[in-house]
């Protein structure tokens, strides 16, 4: 596997929640800098050393609610 994708959403209590697509990896953080560190750490912990993806892609989803 060359890359792994994460879906990143705003956490209800603030910060971010990141879930990997196709893998059982989940992490959260209070800031973007912390999210980057936590995602890298979670990926390294999940895969064997020789199987760690070379690229991590973060896809940010922001929900907006509009009144009618």
PDB file of N, CA and C in Angstrom:
ATOM      1  N   UNK A   1       0.846  -1.183   0.000  1.00  0.00           N
ATOM      2  CA  UNK A   1       0.000   0.000   0.000  1.00  0.00           C
ATOM      3  C   UNK A   1       0.886   1.239   0.000  1.00  0.00           C
ATOM      4  N   UNK A   2       0.677   2.091  -0.969  1.00  0.00           N
ATOM      5  CA  UNK A   2       1.484   3.303  -1.084  1.00  0.00           C
ATOM      6  C   UNK A   2       0.913   4.480  -0.310  1.00  0.00           C
ATOM      7  N   UNK A   3      -0.424   4.511  -0.150  1.00  0.00           N
ATOM      8  CA  UNK A   3      -1.022   5.635   0.557  1.00  0.00           C
ATOM      9  C   UNK A   3      -2.263   5.187   1.316  1.00  0.00           C
ATOM     10  N   UNK A   4      -2.629   5.992   2.295  1.00  0.00           N
ATOM     11  CA  UNK A   4      -3.815   5.740   3.090  1.00  0.00           C
ATOM     12  C   UNK A   4      -4.590   7.055   3.202  1.00  0.00           C
ATOM     13  N   UNK A   5      -5.903   6.954   3.184  1.00  0.00           N
ATOM     14  CA  UNK A   5      -6.773   8.124   3.239  1.00  0.00           C
ATOM     15  C   UNK A   5      -7.485   8.187   4.582  1.00  0.00           C
ATOM     16  N   UNK A   6      -7.586   9.387   5.127  1.00  0.00           N
ATOM     17  CA  UNK A   6      -8.339   9.631   6.349  1.00  0.00           C
ATOM     18  C   UNK A   6      -9.438  10.646   6.064  1.00  0.00           C
ATOM     19  N   UNK A   7     -10.604  10.393   6.604  1.00  0.00           N
ATOM     20  CA  UNK A   7     -11.706  11.337   6.585  1.00  0.00           C
ATOM     21  C   UNK A   7     -11.622  12.114   7.892  1.00  0.00           C
ATOM     22  N   UNK A   8     -11.487  13.432   7.810  1.00  0.00           N
ATOM     23  CA  UNK A   8     -11.328  14.272   8.995  1.00  0.00           C
ATOM     24  C   UNK A   8     -12.552  15.162   9.138  1.00  0.00           C
ATOM     25  N   UNK A   9     -13.155  15.118  10.328  1.00  0.00           N
ATOM     26  CA  UNK A   9     -14.335  15.922  10.624  1.00  0.00           C
ATOM     27  C   UNK A   9     -14.094  16.749  11.874  1.00  0.00           C
ATOM     28  N   UNK A  10     -14.844  17.828  12.016  1.00  0.00           N
ATOM     29  CA  UNK A  10     -14.795  18.613  13.246  1.00  0.00           C
ATOM     30  C   UNK A  10     -15.442  17.795  14.355  1.00  0.00           C
ATOM     31  N   UNK A  11     -14.785  17.723  15.500  1.00  0.00           N
ATOM     32  CA  UNK A  11     -15.349  17.024  16.655  1.00  0.00           C
ATOM     33  C   UNK A  11     -16.409  17.908  17.300  1.00  0.00           C
ATOM     34  N   UNK A  12     -17.504  17.335  17.789  1.00  0.00           N
ATOM     35  CA  UNK A  12     -18.569  18.134  18.404  1.00  0.00           C
ATOM     36  C   UNK A  12     -18.080  18.996  19.571  1.00  0.00           C
ATOM     37  N   UNK A  13     -17.106  18.488  20.320  1.00  0.00           N
ATOM     38  CA  UNK A  13     -16.593  19.222  21.477  1.00  0.00           C
ATOM     39  C   UNK A  13     -15.400  20.110  21.135  1.00  0.00           C
ATOM     40  N   UNK A  14     -15.067  20.195  19.848  1.00  0.00           N
ATOM     41  CA  UNK A  14     -13.923  20.976  19.392  1.00  0.00           C
ATOM     42  C   UNK A  14     -12.802  20.056  18.951  1.00  0.00           C
ATOM     43  N   UNK A  15     -11.943  20.539  18.110  1.00  0.00           N
ATOM     44  CA  UNK A  15     -10.850  19.727  17.597  1.00  0.00           C
ATOM     45  C   UNK A  15     -11.274  18.929  16.386  1.00  0.00           C
ATOM     46  N   UNK A  16     -10.610  17.795  16.176  1.00  0.00           N
ATOM     47  CA  UNK A  16     -10.809  16.994  14.964  1.00  0.00           C
ATOM     48  C   UNK A  16     -10.893  15.509  15.292  1.00  0.00           C
ATOM     49  N   UNK A  17     -11.628  14.782  14.455  1.00  0.00           N
ATOM     50  CA  UNK A  17     -11.713  13.325  14.505  1.00  0.00           C
ATOM     51  C   UNK A  17     -11.275  12.818  13.139  1.00  0.00           C
ATOM     52  N   UNK A  18     -10.367  11.838  13.104  1.00  0.00           N
ATOM     53  CA  UNK A  18      -9.873  11.281  11.842  1.00  0.00           C
ATOM     54  C   UNK A  18     -10.090   9.775  11.818  1.00  0.00           C
ATOM     55  N   UNK A  19     -10.692   9.286  10.728  1.00  0.00           N
ATOM     56  CA  UNK A  19     -10.956   7.861  10.544  1.00  0.00           C
ATOM     57  C   UNK A  19     -10.367   7.426   9.218  1.00  0.00           C
ATOM     58  N   UNK A  20      -9.591   6.355   9.246  1.00  0.00           N
ATOM     59  CA  UNK A  20      -9.000   5.829   8.014  1.00  0.00           C
ATOM     60  C   UNK A  20     -10.065   5.134   7.185  1.00  0.00           C
ATOM     61  N   UNK A  21      -9.954   5.254   5.874  1.00  0.00           N
ATOM     62  CA  UNK A  21     -10.853   4.546   4.963  1.00  0.00           C
ATOM     63  C   UNK A  21     -10.240   3.189   4.633  1.00  0.00           C
ATOM     64  N   UNK A  22     -10.970   2.121   4.923  1.00  0.00           N
ATOM     65  CA  UNK A  22     -10.501   0.779   4.601  1.00  0.00           C
ATOM     66  C   UNK A  22      -9.612   0.135   5.648  1.00  0.00           C
ATOM     67  N   UNK A  23      -9.329   0.832   6.725  1.00  0.00           N
ATOM     68  CA  UNK A  23      -8.517   0.298   7.827  1.00  0.00           C
ATOM     69  C   UNK A  23      -9.181   0.686   9.140  1.00  0.00           C
ATOM     70  N   UNK A  24      -8.920  -0.061  10.180  1.00  0.00           N
ATOM     71  CA  UNK A  24      -9.487   0.230  11.503  1.00  0.00           C
ATOM     72  C   UNK A  24      -8.554   1.152  12.278  1.00  0.00           C
ATOM     73  N   UNK A  25      -8.437   2.386  11.803  1.00  0.00           N
ATOM     74  CA  UNK A  25      -7.573   3.374  12.460  1.00  0.00           C
ATOM     75  C   UNK A  25      -8.417   4.599  12.747  1.00  0.00           C
ATOM     76  N   UNK A  26      -8.357   5.074  13.982  1.00  0.00           N
ATOM     77  CA  UNK A  26      -9.126   6.226  14.435  1.00  0.00           C
ATOM     78  C   UNK A  26      -8.257   7.032  15.387  1.00  0.00           C
ATOM     79  N   UNK A  27      -8.293   8.350  15.262  1.00  0.00           N
ATOM     80  CA  UNK A  27      -7.588   9.207  16.208  1.00  0.00           C
ATOM     81  C   UNK A  27      -8.294  10.552  16.271  1.00  0.00           C
ATOM     82  N   UNK A  28      -7.940  11.333  17.264  1.00  0.00           N
ATOM     83  CA  UNK A  28      -8.520  12.661  17.417  1.00  0.00           C
ATOM     84  C   UNK A  28      -7.464  13.609  17.966  1.00  0.00           C
ATOM     85  N   UNK A  29      -7.733  14.914  17.843  1.00  0.00           N
ATOM     86  CA  UNK A  29      -6.764  15.917  18.286  1.00  0.00           C
ATOM     87  C   UNK A  29      -7.462  17.253  18.483  1.00  0.00           C
ATOM     88  N   UNK A  30      -6.817  18.121  19.257  1.00  0.00           N
ATOM     89  CA  UNK A  30      -7.354  19.454  19.519  1.00  0.00           C
ATOM     90  C   UNK A  30      -6.932  20.480  18.472  1.00  0.00           C
ATOM     91  N   UNK A  31      -5.833  20.223  17.773  1.00  0.00           N
ATOM     92  CA  UNK A  31      -5.326  21.174  16.777  1.00  0.00           C
ATOM     93  C   UNK A  31      -4.864  20.421  15.536  1.00  0.00           C
ATOM     94  N   UNK A  32      -4.646  21.154  14.446  1.00  0.00           N
ATOM     95  CA  UNK A  32      -4.148  20.525  13.221  1.00  0.00           C
ATOM     96  C   UNK A  32      -2.758  19.933  13.417  1.00  0.00           C
ATOM     97  N   UNK A  33      -1.907  20.646  14.131  1.00  0.00           N
ATOM     98  CA  UNK A  33      -0.548  20.149  14.381  1.00  0.00           C
ATOM     99  C   UNK A  33      -0.594  18.835  15.152  1.00  0.00           C
ATOM    100  N   UNK A  34      -1.435  18.783  16.178  1.00  0.00           N
ATOM    101  CA  UNK A  34      -1.583  17.569  16.972  1.00  0.00           C
ATOM    102  C   UNK A  34      -2.202  16.450  16.128  1.00  0.00           C
ATOM    103  N   UNK A  35      -3.137  16.787  15.249  1.00  0.00           N
ATOM    104  CA  UNK A  35      -3.747  15.793  14.374  1.00  0.00           C
ATOM    105  C   UNK A  35      -2.696  15.147  13.480  1.00  0.00           C
ATOM    106  N   UNK A  36      -1.821  15.945  12.898  1.00  0.00           N
ATOM    107  CA  UNK A  36      -0.758  15.407  12.041  1.00  0.00           C
ATOM    108  C   UNK A  36       0.109  14.409  12.799  1.00  0.00           C
ATOM    109  N   UNK A  37       0.488  14.760  14.011  1.00  0.00           N
ATOM    110  CA  UNK A  37       1.316  13.870  14.841  1.00  0.00           C
ATOM    111  C   UNK A  37       0.548  12.593  15.181  1.00  0.00           C
ATOM    112  N   UNK A  38      -0.721  12.735  15.597  1.00  0.00           N
ATOM    113  CA  UNK A  38      -1.509  11.587  16.014  1.00  0.00           C
ATOM    114  C   UNK A  38      -1.812  10.636  14.854  1.00  0.00           C
ATOM    115  N   UNK A  39      -2.086  11.185  13.675  1.00  0.00           N
ATOM    116  CA  UNK A  39      -2.361  10.338  12.507  1.00  0.00           C
ATOM    117  C   UNK A  39      -1.111   9.543  12.136  1.00  0.00           C
ATOM    118  N   UNK A  40       0.027  10.198  12.093  1.00  0.00           N
ATOM    119  CA  UNK A  40       1.280   9.480  11.769  1.00  0.00           C
ATOM    120  C   UNK A  40       1.546   8.373  12.785  1.00  0.00           C
ATOM    121  N   UNK A  41       1.366   8.695  14.063  1.00  0.00           N
ATOM    122  CA  UNK A  41       1.600   7.715  15.118  1.00  0.00           C
ATOM    123  C   UNK A  41       0.635   6.537  14.994  1.00  0.00           C
ATOM    124  N   UNK A  42      -0.640   6.816  14.734  1.00  0.00           N
ATOM    125  CA  UNK A  42      -1.636   5.753  14.595  1.00  0.00           C
ATOM    126  C   UNK A  42      -1.327   4.850  13.409  1.00  0.00           C
ATOM    127  N   UNK A  43      -0.880   5.422  12.296  1.00  0.00           N
ATOM    128  CA  UNK A  43      -0.546   4.631  11.111  1.00  0.00           C
ATOM    129  C   UNK A  43       0.664   3.751  11.403  1.00  0.00           C
ATOM    130  N   UNK A  44       1.693   4.306  12.030  1.00  0.00           N
ATOM    131  CA  UNK A  44       2.897   3.512  12.361  1.00  0.00           C
ATOM    132  C   UNK A  44       2.560   2.363  13.306  1.00  0.00           C
ATOM    133  N   UNK A  45       1.657   2.599  14.252  1.00  0.00           N
ATOM    134  CA  UNK A  45       1.266   1.554  15.214  1.00  0.00           C
ATOM    135  C   UNK A  45       0.429   0.464  14.551  1.00  0.00           C
ATOM    136  N   UNK A  46      -0.348   0.820  13.548  1.00  0.00           N
ATOM    137  CA  UNK A  46      -1.273  -0.124  12.910  1.00  0.00           C
ATOM    138  C   UNK A  46      -0.573  -1.096  11.965  1.00  0.00           C
ATOM    139  N   UNK A  47       0.427  -0.623  11.244  1.00  0.00           N
ATOM    140  CA  UNK A  47       1.083  -1.437  10.228  1.00  0.00           C
ATOM    141  C   UNK A  47       2.431  -1.955  10.711  1.00  0.00           C
ATOM    142  N   UNK A  48       2.825  -3.118  10.162  1.00  0.00           N
ATOM    143  CA  UNK A  48       4.190  -3.597  10.375  1.00  0.00           C
ATOM    144  C   UNK A  48       5.140  -2.603   9.727  1.00  0.00           C
ATOM    145  N   UNK A  49       6.358  -2.540  10.227  1.00  0.00           N
ATOM    146  CA  UNK A  49       7.325  -1.534   9.766  1.00  0.00           C
ATOM    147  C   UNK A  49       7.529  -1.537   8.258  1.00  0.00           C
ATOM    148  N   UNK A  50       7.541  -2.717   7.642  1.00  0.00           N
ATOM    149  CA  UNK A  50       7.762  -2.800   6.197  1.00  0.00           C
ATOM    150  C   UNK A  50       6.487  -2.571   5.375  1.00  0.00           C
ATOM    151  N   UNK A  51       5.337  -2.377   6.029  1.00  0.00           N
ATOM    152  CA  UNK A  51       4.065  -2.197   5.334  1.00  0.00           C
ATOM    153  C   UNK A  51       3.469  -0.798   5.525  1.00  0.00           C
ATOM    154  N   UNK A  52       4.158   0.090   6.227  1.00  0.00           N
ATOM    155  CA  UNK A  52       3.643   1.434   6.485  1.00  0.00           C
ATOM    156  C   UNK A  52       3.502   2.194   5.163  1.00  0.00           C
ATOM    157  N   UNK A  53       2.311   2.751   4.888  1.00  0.00           N
ATOM    158  CA  UNK A  53       2.133   3.529   3.656  1.00  0.00           C
ATOM    159  C   UNK A  53       3.107   4.704   3.591  1.00  0.00           C
ATOM    160  N   UNK A  54       3.525   5.035   2.401  1.00  0.00           N
ATOM    161  CA  UNK A  54       4.482   6.127   2.217  1.00  0.00           C
ATOM    162  C   UNK A  54       3.815   7.497   2.244  1.00  0.00           C
ATOM    163  N   UNK A  55       2.485   7.538   2.009  1.00  0.00           N
ATOM    164  CA  UNK A  55       1.771   8.812   1.980  1.00  0.00           C
ATOM    165  C   UNK A  55       0.465   8.692   2.759  1.00  0.00           C
ATOM    166  N   UNK A  56       0.163   9.747   3.514  1.00  0.00           N
ATOM    167  CA  UNK A  56      -1.097   9.845   4.240  1.00  0.00           C
ATOM    168  C   UNK A  56      -1.845  11.045   3.680  1.00  0.00           C
ATOM    169  N   UNK A  57      -3.084  10.815   3.246  1.00  0.00           N
ATOM    170  CA  UNK A  57      -3.914  11.902   2.722  1.00  0.00           C
ATOM    171  C   UNK A  57      -5.046  12.166   3.710  1.00  0.00           C
ATOM    172  N   UNK A  58      -5.239  13.436   4.023  1.00  0.00           N
ATOM    173  CA  UNK A  58      -6.320  13.843   4.918  1.00  0.00           C
ATOM    174  C   UNK A  58      -7.388  14.556   4.092  1.00  0.00           C
ATOM    175  N   UNK A  59      -8.599  14.052   4.147  1.00  0.00           N
ATOM    176  CA  UNK A  59      -9.728  14.662   3.442  1.00  0.00           C
ATOM    177  C   UNK A  59     -10.617  15.314   4.497  1.00  0.00           C
ATOM    178  N   UNK A  60     -10.681  16.649   4.490  1.00  0.00           N
ATOM    179  CA  UNK A  60     -11.445  17.390   5.490  1.00  0.00           C
ATOM    180  C   UNK A  60     -12.879  17.590   5.034  1.00  0.00           C
ATOM    181  N   UNK A  61     -13.820  17.290   5.931  1.00  0.00           N
ATOM    182  CA  UNK A  61     -15.232  17.458   5.661  1.00  0.00           C
ATOM    183  C   UNK A  61     -15.773  18.426   6.710  1.00  0.00           C
ATOM    184  N   UNK A  62     -16.353  19.533   6.255  1.00  0.00           N
ATOM    185  CA  UNK A  62     -16.946  20.518   7.155  1.00  0.00           C
ATOM    186  C   UNK A  62     -18.429  20.607   6.861  1.00  0.00           C
ATOM    187  N   UNK A  63     -19.217  20.400   7.877  1.00  0.00           N
ATOM    188  CA  UNK A  63     -20.666  20.459   7.713  1.00  0.00           C
ATOM    189  C   UNK A  63     -21.164  21.858   8.039  1.00  0.00           C
ATOM    190  N   UNK A  64     -22.037  22.373   7.200  1.00  0.00           N
ATOM    191  CA  UNK A  64     -22.665  23.660   7.442  1.00  0.00           C
ATOM    192  C   UNK A  64     -24.178  23.473   7.415  1.00  0.00           C
ATOM    193  N   UNK A  65     -24.842  24.073   8.379  1.00  0.00           N
ATOM    194  CA  UNK A  65     -26.290  23.990   8.445  1.00  0.00           C
ATOM    195  C   UNK A  65     -26.842  25.376   8.128  1.00  0.00           C
ATOM    196  N   UNK A  66     -27.744  25.424   7.146  1.00  0.00           N
ATOM    197  CA  UNK A  66     -28.342  26.686   6.733  1.00  0.00           C
ATOM    198  C   UNK A  66     -29.814  26.710   7.130  1.00  0.00           C
ATOM    199  N   UNK A  67     -30.243  27.820   7.677  1.00  0.00           N
ATOM    200  CA  UNK A  67     -31.665  27.983   7.988  1.00  0.00           C
ATOM    201  C   UNK A  67     -32.414  28.346   6.726  1.00  0.00           C
ATOM    202  N   UNK A  68     -33.638  27.904   6.652  1.00  0.00           N
ATOM    203  CA  UNK A  68     -34.471  28.203   5.474  1.00  0.00           C
ATOM    204  C   UNK A  68     -35.354  29.388   5.771  1.00  0.00           C
TER     205      UNK A  68
END
